[in-house]
Amino acid sequence: MTQSVKLYSLSTCSHCKAAKKFLSDHNIQYEFIDVDLLDTLERASAIADVRALNPECTFPTILIGEKVIAGNREDAIREALGLI
């Protein structure tokens, strides 16, 4: 069963870029939102979504199925995706 993967990121964040590269390198389909590139209302909504998942509101915030991963933690991402 394929899990949905959603990544909240910032366009200038090196950790976010590394997380995107990791997912792409492992042929994982994912949806991402570069929060800093959204207009004001969309940005506020996206930040509220991130805070609901990750109260510290750090980036990247990755949602894999029901699992939330704060930061580019490849070990946690691998585990959540079953790549171990």
PDB file of N, CA and C in Angstrom:
ATOM      1  N   MET A   1       0.837  -1.184   0.000  1.00  0.00           N
ATOM      2  CA  MET A   1       0.000   0.000   0.000  1.00  0.00           C
ATOM      3  C   MET A   1       0.877   1.241   0.000  1.00  0.00           C
ATOM      4  N   THR A   2       0.620   2.159  -0.897  1.00  0.00           N
ATOM      5  CA  THR A   2       1.378   3.382  -0.992  1.00  0.00           C
ATOM      6  C   THR A   2       0.815   4.423  -0.037  1.00  0.00           C
ATOM      7  N   GLN A   3       1.703   5.009   0.747  1.00  0.00           N
ATOM      8  CA  GLN A   3       1.297   6.048   1.675  1.00  0.00           C
ATOM      9  C   GLN A   3       1.405   7.407   0.987  1.00  0.00           C
ATOM     10  N   SER A   4       0.528   8.318   1.386  1.00  0.00           N
ATOM     11  CA  SER A   4       0.643   9.658   0.853  1.00  0.00           C
ATOM     12  C   SER A   4       1.783  10.377   1.570  1.00  0.00           C
ATOM     13  N   VAL A   5       2.485  11.207   0.831  1.00  0.00           N
ATOM     14  CA  VAL A   5       3.615  11.955   1.385  1.00  0.00           C
ATOM     15  C   VAL A   5       3.405  13.424   1.041  1.00  0.00           C
ATOM     16  N   LYS A   6       3.406  14.256   2.078  1.00  0.00           N
ATOM     17  CA  LYS A   6       3.251  15.698   1.897  1.00  0.00           C
ATOM     18  C   LYS A   6       4.370  16.387   2.654  1.00  0.00           C
ATOM     19  N   LEU A   7       5.013  17.323   1.990  1.00  0.00           N
ATOM     20  CA  LEU A   7       6.155  18.009   2.562  1.00  0.00           C
ATOM     21  C   LEU A   7       5.877  19.505   2.577  1.00  0.00           C
ATOM     22  N   TYR A   8       5.969  20.092   3.740  1.00  0.00           N
ATOM     23  CA  TYR A   8       5.876  21.545   3.891  1.00  0.00           C
ATOM     24  C   TYR A   8       7.301  22.052   3.962  1.00  0.00           C
ATOM     25  N   SER A   9       7.636  22.983   3.082  1.00  0.00           N
ATOM     26  CA  SER A   9       9.019  23.424   2.984  1.00  0.00           C
ATOM     27  C   SER A   9       9.103  24.927   2.757  1.00  0.00           C
ATOM     28  N   LEU A  10      10.341  25.404   2.771  1.00  0.00           N
ATOM     29  CA  LEU A  10      10.654  26.781   2.384  1.00  0.00           C
ATOM     30  C   LEU A  10      11.555  26.692   1.166  1.00  0.00           C
ATOM     31  N   SER A  11      11.349  27.552   0.208  1.00  0.00           N
ATOM     32  CA  SER A  11      12.078  27.462  -1.060  1.00  0.00           C
ATOM     33  C   SER A  11      13.582  27.670  -0.906  1.00  0.00           C
ATOM     34  N   THR A  12      14.016  28.350   0.150  1.00  0.00           N
ATOM     35  CA  THR A  12      15.426  28.662   0.333  1.00  0.00           C
ATOM     36  C   THR A  12      16.114  27.776   1.367  1.00  0.00           C
ATOM     37  N   CYS A  13      15.393  26.810   1.914  1.00  0.00           N
ATOM     38  CA  CYS A  13      15.891  25.976   3.018  1.00  0.00           C
ATOM     39  C   CYS A  13      16.698  24.796   2.473  1.00  0.00           C
ATOM     40  N   SER A  14      17.962  24.699   2.884  1.00  0.00           N
ATOM     41  CA  SER A  14      18.810  23.606   2.394  1.00  0.00           C
ATOM     42  C   SER A  14      18.325  22.247   2.900  1.00  0.00           C
ATOM     43  N   HIS A  15      17.789  22.184   4.111  1.00  0.00           N
ATOM     44  CA  HIS A  15      17.270  20.919   4.642  1.00  0.00           C
ATOM     45  C   HIS A  15      16.028  20.476   3.855  1.00  0.00           C
ATOM     46  N   CYS A  16      15.220  21.446   3.472  1.00  0.00           N
ATOM     47  CA  CYS A  16      14.023  21.143   2.672  1.00  0.00           C
ATOM     48  C   CYS A  16      14.418  20.614   1.303  1.00  0.00           C
ATOM     49  N   LYS A  17      15.411  21.251   0.694  1.00  0.00           N
ATOM     50  CA  LYS A  17      15.892  20.799  -0.616  1.00  0.00           C
ATOM     51  C   LYS A  17      16.466  19.388  -0.522  1.00  0.00           C
ATOM     52  N   ALA A  18      17.175  19.107   0.563  1.00  0.00           N
ATOM     53  CA  ALA A  18      17.745  17.769   0.750  1.00  0.00           C
ATOM     54  C   ALA A  18      16.640  16.728   0.929  1.00  0.00           C
ATOM     55  N   ALA A  19      15.575  17.079   1.647  1.00  0.00           N
ATOM     56  CA  ALA A  19      14.457  16.144   1.829  1.00  0.00           C
ATOM     57  C   ALA A  19      13.774  15.861   0.497  1.00  0.00           C
ATOM     58  N   LYS A  20      13.564  16.895  -0.302  1.00  0.00           N
ATOM     59  CA  LYS A  20      12.967  16.705  -1.633  1.00  0.00           C
ATOM     60  C   LYS A  20      13.849  15.807  -2.493  1.00  0.00           C
ATOM     61  N   LYS A  21      15.161  16.048  -2.444  1.00  0.00           N
ATOM     62  CA  LYS A  21      16.101  15.239  -3.234  1.00  0.00           C
ATOM     63  C   LYS A  21      16.056  13.785  -2.775  1.00  0.00           C
ATOM     64  N   PHE A  22      16.041  13.554  -1.470  1.00  0.00           N
ATOM     65  CA  PHE A  22      15.968  12.190  -0.941  1.00  0.00           C
ATOM     66  C   PHE A  22      14.730  11.480  -1.464  1.00  0.00           C
ATOM     67  N   LEU A  23      13.583  12.132  -1.371  1.00  0.00           N
ATOM     68  CA  LEU A  23      12.334  11.523  -1.842  1.00  0.00           C
ATOM     69  C   LEU A  23      12.396  11.241  -3.345  1.00  0.00           C
ATOM     70  N   SER A  24      12.874  12.219  -4.108  1.00  0.00           N
ATOM     71  CA  SER A  24      12.979  12.043  -5.561  1.00  0.00           C
ATOM     72  C   SER A  24      13.964  10.934  -5.921  1.00  0.00           C
ATOM     73  N   ASP A  25      15.112  10.896  -5.225  1.00  0.00           N
ATOM     74  CA  ASP A  25      16.125   9.871  -5.498  1.00  0.00           C
ATOM     75  C   ASP A  25      15.605   8.461  -5.225  1.00  0.00           C
ATOM     76  N   HIS A  26      14.607   8.351  -4.340  1.00  0.00           N
ATOM     77  CA  HIS A  26      14.041   7.050  -4.006  1.00  0.00           C
ATOM     78  C   HIS A  26      12.698   6.814  -4.718  1.00  0.00           C
ATOM     79  N   ASN A  27      12.459   7.625  -5.750  1.00  0.00           N
ATOM     80  CA  ASN A  27      11.255   7.492  -6.571  1.00  0.00           C
ATOM     81  C   ASN A  27       9.964   7.511  -5.755  1.00  0.00           C
ATOM     82  N   ILE A  28       9.942   8.350  -4.725  1.00  0.00           N
ATOM     83  CA  ILE A  28       8.764   8.506  -3.889  1.00  0.00           C
ATOM     84  C   ILE A  28       7.944   9.667  -4.444  1.00  0.00           C
ATOM     85  N   GLN A  29       6.698   9.403  -4.760  1.00  0.00           N
ATOM     86  CA  GLN A  29       5.818  10.482  -5.202  1.00  0.00           C
ATOM     87  C   GLN A  29       5.394  11.270  -3.973  1.00  0.00           C
ATOM     88  N   TYR A  30       5.489  12.576  -4.063  1.00  0.00           N
ATOM     89  CA  TYR A  30       5.134  13.413  -2.933  1.00  0.00           C
ATOM     90  C   TYR A  30       4.576  14.741  -3.410  1.00  0.00           C
ATOM     91  N   GLU A  31       3.807  15.324  -2.541  1.00  0.00           N
ATOM     92  CA  GLU A  31       3.268  16.665  -2.768  1.00  0.00           C
ATOM     93  C   GLU A  31       4.065  17.594  -1.857  1.00  0.00           C
ATOM     94  N   PHE A  32       4.414  18.771  -2.375  1.00  0.00           N
ATOM     95  CA  PHE A  32       5.103  19.709  -1.502  1.00  0.00           C
ATOM     96  C   PHE A  32       4.499  21.093  -1.631  1.00  0.00           C
ATOM     97  N   ILE A  33       4.657  21.839  -0.559  1.00  0.00           N
ATOM     98  CA  ILE A  33       4.197  23.221  -0.525  1.00  0.00           C
ATOM     99  C   ILE A  33       5.363  24.063  -0.039  1.00  0.00           C
ATOM    100  N   ASP A  34       5.849  24.980  -0.898  1.00  0.00           N
ATOM    101  CA  ASP A  34       6.847  25.951  -0.476  1.00  0.00           C
ATOM    102  C   ASP A  34       6.082  27.099   0.176  1.00  0.00           C
ATOM    103  N   VAL A  35       6.010  27.049   1.494  1.00  0.00           N
ATOM    104  CA  VAL A  35       5.159  27.961   2.260  1.00  0.00           C
ATOM    105  C   VAL A  35       5.522  29.420   2.000  1.00  0.00           C
ATOM    106  N   ASP A  36       6.803  29.720   1.868  1.00  0.00           N
ATOM    107  CA  ASP A  36       7.234  31.109   1.684  1.00  0.00           C
ATOM    108  C   ASP A  36       6.834  31.688   0.326  1.00  0.00           C
ATOM    109  N   LEU A  37       6.451  30.846  -0.617  1.00  0.00           N
ATOM    110  CA  LEU A  37       6.068  31.340  -1.942  1.00  0.00           C
ATOM    111  C   LEU A  37       4.557  31.543  -2.093  1.00  0.00           C
ATOM    112  N   LEU A  38       3.801  31.214  -1.060  1.00  0.00           N
ATOM    113  CA  LEU A  38       2.344  31.369  -1.112  1.00  0.00           C
ATOM    114  C   LEU A  38       1.953  32.822  -0.871  1.00  0.00           C
ATOM    115  N   ASP A  39       0.748  33.187  -1.345  1.00  0.00           N
ATOM    116  CA  ASP A  39       0.268  34.528  -1.035  1.00  0.00           C
ATOM    117  C   ASP A  39      -0.118  34.579   0.441  1.00  0.00           C
ATOM    118  N   THR A  40      -0.404  35.750   0.944  1.00  0.00           N
ATOM    119  CA  THR A  40      -0.593  35.968   2.380  1.00  0.00           C
ATOM    120  C   THR A  40      -1.628  35.043   3.013  1.00  0.00           C
ATOM    121  N   LEU A  41      -2.812  34.932   2.420  1.00  0.00           N
ATOM    122  CA  LEU A  41      -3.853  34.090   3.010  1.00  0.00           C
ATOM    123  C   LEU A  41      -3.501  32.613   2.941  1.00  0.00           C
ATOM    124  N   GLU A  42      -2.983  32.177   1.794  1.00  0.00           N
ATOM    125  CA  GLU A  42      -2.582  30.774   1.660  1.00  0.00           C
ATOM    126  C   GLU A  42      -1.448  30.438   2.620  1.00  0.00           C
ATOM    127  N   ARG A  43      -0.499  31.386   2.783  1.00  0.00           N
ATOM    128  CA  ARG A  43       0.627  31.178   3.687  1.00  0.00           C
ATOM    129  C   ARG A  43       0.137  31.013   5.122  1.00  0.00           C
ATOM    130  N   ALA A  44      -0.780  31.863   5.544  1.00  0.00           N
ATOM    131  CA  ALA A  44      -1.317  31.770   6.908  1.00  0.00           C
ATOM    132  C   ALA A  44      -1.995  30.419   7.121  1.00  0.00           C
ATOM    133  N   SER A  45      -2.727  29.964   6.138  1.00  0.00           N
ATOM    134  CA  SER A  45      -3.403  28.673   6.237  1.00  0.00           C
ATOM    135  C   SER A  45      -2.391  27.527   6.304  1.00  0.00           C
ATOM    136  N   ALA A  46      -1.363  27.587   5.466  1.00  0.00           N
ATOM    137  CA  ALA A  46      -0.338  26.536   5.452  1.00  0.00           C
ATOM    138  C   ALA A  46       0.432  26.509   6.769  1.00  0.00           C
ATOM    139  N   ILE A  47       0.736  27.675   7.313  1.00  0.00           N
ATOM    140  CA  ILE A  47       1.451  27.734   8.592  1.00  0.00           C
ATOM    141  C   ILE A  47       0.582  27.157   9.703  1.00  0.00           C
ATOM    142  N   ALA A  48      -0.717  27.418   9.659  1.00  0.00           N
ATOM    143  CA  ALA A  48      -1.632  26.827  10.643  1.00  0.00           C
ATOM    144  C   ALA A  48      -1.626  25.303  10.515  1.00  0.00           C
ATOM    145  N   ASP A  49      -1.592  24.794   9.281  1.00  0.00           N
ATOM    146  CA  ASP A  49      -1.525  23.346   9.057  1.00  0.00           C
ATOM    147  C   ASP A  49      -0.228  22.773   9.632  1.00  0.00           C
ATOM    148  N   VAL A  50       0.892  23.458   9.392  1.00  0.00           N
ATOM    149  CA  VAL A  50       2.181  22.988   9.901  1.00  0.00           C
ATOM    150  C   VAL A  50       2.171  22.989  11.428  1.00  0.00           C
ATOM    151  N   ARG A  51       1.669  24.063  12.037  1.00  0.00           N
ATOM    152  CA  ARG A  51       1.621  24.140  13.508  1.00  0.00           C
ATOM    153  C   ARG A  51       0.755  23.033  14.107  1.00  0.00           C
ATOM    154  N   ALA A  52      -0.310  22.647  13.412  1.00  0.00           N
ATOM    155  CA  ALA A  52      -1.166  21.560  13.898  1.00  0.00           C
ATOM    156  C   ALA A  52      -0.402  20.234  13.899  1.00  0.00           C
ATOM    157  N   LEU A  53       0.492  20.058  12.937  1.00  0.00           N
ATOM    158  CA  LEU A  53       1.293  18.837  12.837  1.00  0.00           C
ATOM    159  C   LEU A  53       2.549  18.903  13.690  1.00  0.00           C
ATOM    160  N   ASN A  54       3.156  20.080  13.718  1.00  0.00           N
ATOM    161  CA  ASN A  54       4.461  20.299  14.338  1.00  0.00           C
ATOM    162  C   ASN A  54       4.410  21.650  15.041  1.00  0.00           C
ATOM    163  N   PRO A  55       4.055  21.673  16.324  1.00  0.00           N
ATOM    164  CA  PRO A  55       3.859  22.940  17.045  1.00  0.00           C
ATOM    165  C   PRO A  55       5.058  23.895  17.010  1.00  0.00           C
ATOM    166  N   GLU A  56       6.260  23.354  16.799  1.00  0.00           N
ATOM    167  CA  GLU A  56       7.432  24.225  16.706  1.00  0.00           C
ATOM    168  C   GLU A  56       7.526  24.910  15.347  1.00  0.00           C
ATOM    169  N   CYS A  57       6.733  24.459  14.394  1.00  0.00           N
ATOM    170  CA  CYS A  57       6.652  25.056  13.054  1.00  0.00           C
ATOM    171  C   CYS A  57       8.032  25.147  12.388  1.00  0.00           C
ATOM    172  N   THR A  58       8.727  24.018  12.387  1.00  0.00           N
ATOM    173  CA  THR A  58      10.027  23.961  11.741  1.00  0.00           C
ATOM    174  C   THR A  58       9.885  23.337  10.358  1.00  0.00           C
ATOM    175  N   PHE A  59      10.887  23.583   9.525  1.00  0.00           N
ATOM    176  CA  PHE A  59      10.858  23.094   8.150  1.00  0.00           C
ATOM    177  C   PHE A  59      12.105  22.285   7.873  1.00  0.00           C
ATOM    178  N   PRO A  60      11.979  21.210   7.090  1.00  0.00           N
ATOM    179  CA  PRO A  60      10.728  20.716   6.533  1.00  0.00           C
ATOM    180  C   PRO A  60       9.881  20.006   7.587  1.00  0.00           C
ATOM    181  N   THR A  61       8.591  20.018   7.376  1.00  0.00           N
ATOM    182  CA  THR A  61       7.662  19.179   8.118  1.00  0.00           C
ATOM    183  C   THR A  61       7.081  18.223   7.091  1.00  0.00           C
ATOM    184  N   ILE A  62       7.245  16.928   7.365  1.00  0.00           N
ATOM    185  CA  ILE A  62       6.863  15.898   6.398  1.00  0.00           C
ATOM    186  C   ILE A  62       5.776  15.022   7.010  1.00  0.00           C
ATOM    187  N   LEU A  63       4.728  14.815   6.258  1.00  0.00           N
ATOM    188  CA  LEU A  63       3.640  13.950   6.681  1.00  0.00           C
ATOM    189  C   LEU A  63       3.644  12.728   5.764  1.00  0.00           C
ATOM    190  N   ILE A  64       3.915  11.560   6.366  1.00  0.00           N
ATOM    191  CA  ILE A  64       3.934  10.299   5.621  1.00  0.00           C
ATOM    192  C   ILE A  64       2.845   9.436   6.222  1.00  0.00           C
ATOM    193  N   GLY A  65       1.756   9.275   5.476  1.00  0.00           N
ATOM    194  CA  GLY A  65       0.589   8.614   6.048  1.00  0.00           C
ATOM    195  C   GLY A  65       0.109   9.431   7.230  1.00  0.00           C
ATOM    196  N   GLU A  66       0.151   8.861   8.430  1.00  0.00           N
ATOM    197  CA  GLU A  66      -0.242   9.566   9.653  1.00  0.00           C
ATOM    198  C   GLU A  66       0.971  10.005  10.470  1.00  0.00           C
ATOM    199  N   LYS A  67       2.180   9.682   9.996  1.00  0.00           N
ATOM    200  CA  LYS A  67       3.409   9.983  10.744  1.00  0.00           C
ATOM    201  C   LYS A  67       3.952  11.349  10.355  1.00  0.00           C
ATOM    202  N   VAL A  68       4.264  12.158  11.373  1.00  0.00           N
ATOM    203  CA  VAL A  68       4.840  13.488  11.167  1.00  0.00           C
ATOM    204  C   VAL A  68       6.322  13.433  11.489  1.00  0.00           C
ATOM    205  N   ILE A  69       7.121  13.956  10.564  1.00  0.00           N
ATOM    206  CA  ILE A  69       8.567  14.033  10.768  1.00  0.00           C
ATOM    207  C   ILE A  69       8.966  15.495  10.656  1.00  0.00           C
ATOM    208  N   ALA A  70       9.545  16.020  11.730  1.00  0.00           N
ATOM    209  CA  ALA A  70      10.020  17.404  11.737  1.00  0.00           C
ATOM    210  C   ALA A  70      11.505  17.389  11.419  1.00  0.00           C
ATOM    211  N   GLY A  71      11.881  18.033  10.345  1.00  0.00           N
ATOM    212  CA  GLY A  71      13.274  18.080   9.937  1.00  0.00           C
ATOM    213  C   GLY A  71      13.596  17.027   8.898  1.00  0.00           C
ATOM    214  N   ASN A  72      14.762  17.158   8.313  1.00  0.00           N
ATOM    215  CA  ASN A  72      15.216  16.208   7.299  1.00  0.00           C
ATOM    216  C   ASN A  72      15.940  15.071   8.001  1.00  0.00           C
ATOM    217  N   ARG A  73      15.172  14.179   8.583  1.00  0.00           N
ATOM    218  CA  ARG A  73      15.709  13.042   9.329  1.00  0.00           C
ATOM    219  C   ARG A  73      15.553  11.795   8.465  1.00  0.00           C
ATOM    220  N   GLU A  74      16.587  11.524   7.678  1.00  0.00           N
ATOM    221  CA  GLU A  74      16.508  10.442   6.696  1.00  0.00           C
ATOM    222  C   GLU A  74      16.176   9.104   7.334  1.00  0.00           C
ATOM    223  N   ASP A  75      16.692   8.842   8.536  1.00  0.00           N
ATOM    224  CA  ASP A  75      16.393   7.564   9.182  1.00  0.00           C
ATOM    225  C   ASP A  75      14.892   7.439   9.467  1.00  0.00           C
ATOM    226  N   ALA A  76      14.282   8.504   9.955  1.00  0.00           N
ATOM    227  CA  ALA A  76      12.845   8.488  10.251  1.00  0.00           C
ATOM    228  C   ALA A  76      12.024   8.418   8.967  1.00  0.00           C
ATOM    229  N   ILE A  77      12.503   9.095   7.929  1.00  0.00           N
ATOM    230  CA  ILE A  77      11.796   9.065   6.631  1.00  0.00           C
ATOM    231  C   ILE A  77      11.858   7.645   6.055  1.00  0.00           C
ATOM    232  N   ARG A  78      13.038   7.046   6.087  1.00  0.00           N
ATOM    233  CA  ARG A  78      13.191   5.663   5.601  1.00  0.00           C
ATOM    234  C   ARG A  78      12.253   4.717   6.336  1.00  0.00           C
ATOM    235  N   GLU A  79      12.227   4.844   7.665  1.00  0.00           N
ATOM    236  CA  GLU A  79      11.381   3.972   8.477  1.00  0.00           C
ATOM    237  C   GLU A  79       9.898   4.167   8.131  1.00  0.00           C
ATOM    238  N   ALA A  80       9.465   5.414   8.032  1.00  0.00           N
ATOM    239  CA  ALA A  80       8.050   5.698   7.739  1.00  0.00           C
ATOM    240  C   ALA A  80       7.656   5.190   6.362  1.00  0.00           C
ATOM    241  N   LEU A  81       8.599   5.186   5.439  1.00  0.00           N
ATOM    242  CA  LEU A  81       8.317   4.715   4.080  1.00  0.00           C
ATOM    243  C   LEU A  81       8.556   3.221   3.912  1.00  0.00           C
ATOM    244  N   GLY A  82       9.087   2.582   4.938  1.00  0.00           N
ATOM    245  CA  GLY A  82       9.375   1.144   4.851  1.00  0.00           C
ATOM    246  C   GLY A  82      10.589   0.845   3.977  1.00  0.00           C
ATOM    247  N   LEU A  83      11.545   1.760   3.940  1.00  0.00           N
ATOM    248  CA  LEU A  83      12.739   1.570   3.106  1.00  0.00           C
ATOM    249  C   LEU A  83      13.880   0.920   3.865  1.00  0.00           C
ATOM    250  N   ILE A  84      13.645   0.507   5.084  1.00  0.00           N
ATOM    251  CA  ILE A  84      14.707  -0.083   5.894  1.00  0.00           C
ATOM    252  C   ILE A  84      14.768  -1.577   5.645  1.00  0.00           C
TER     253      ILE A  84
END
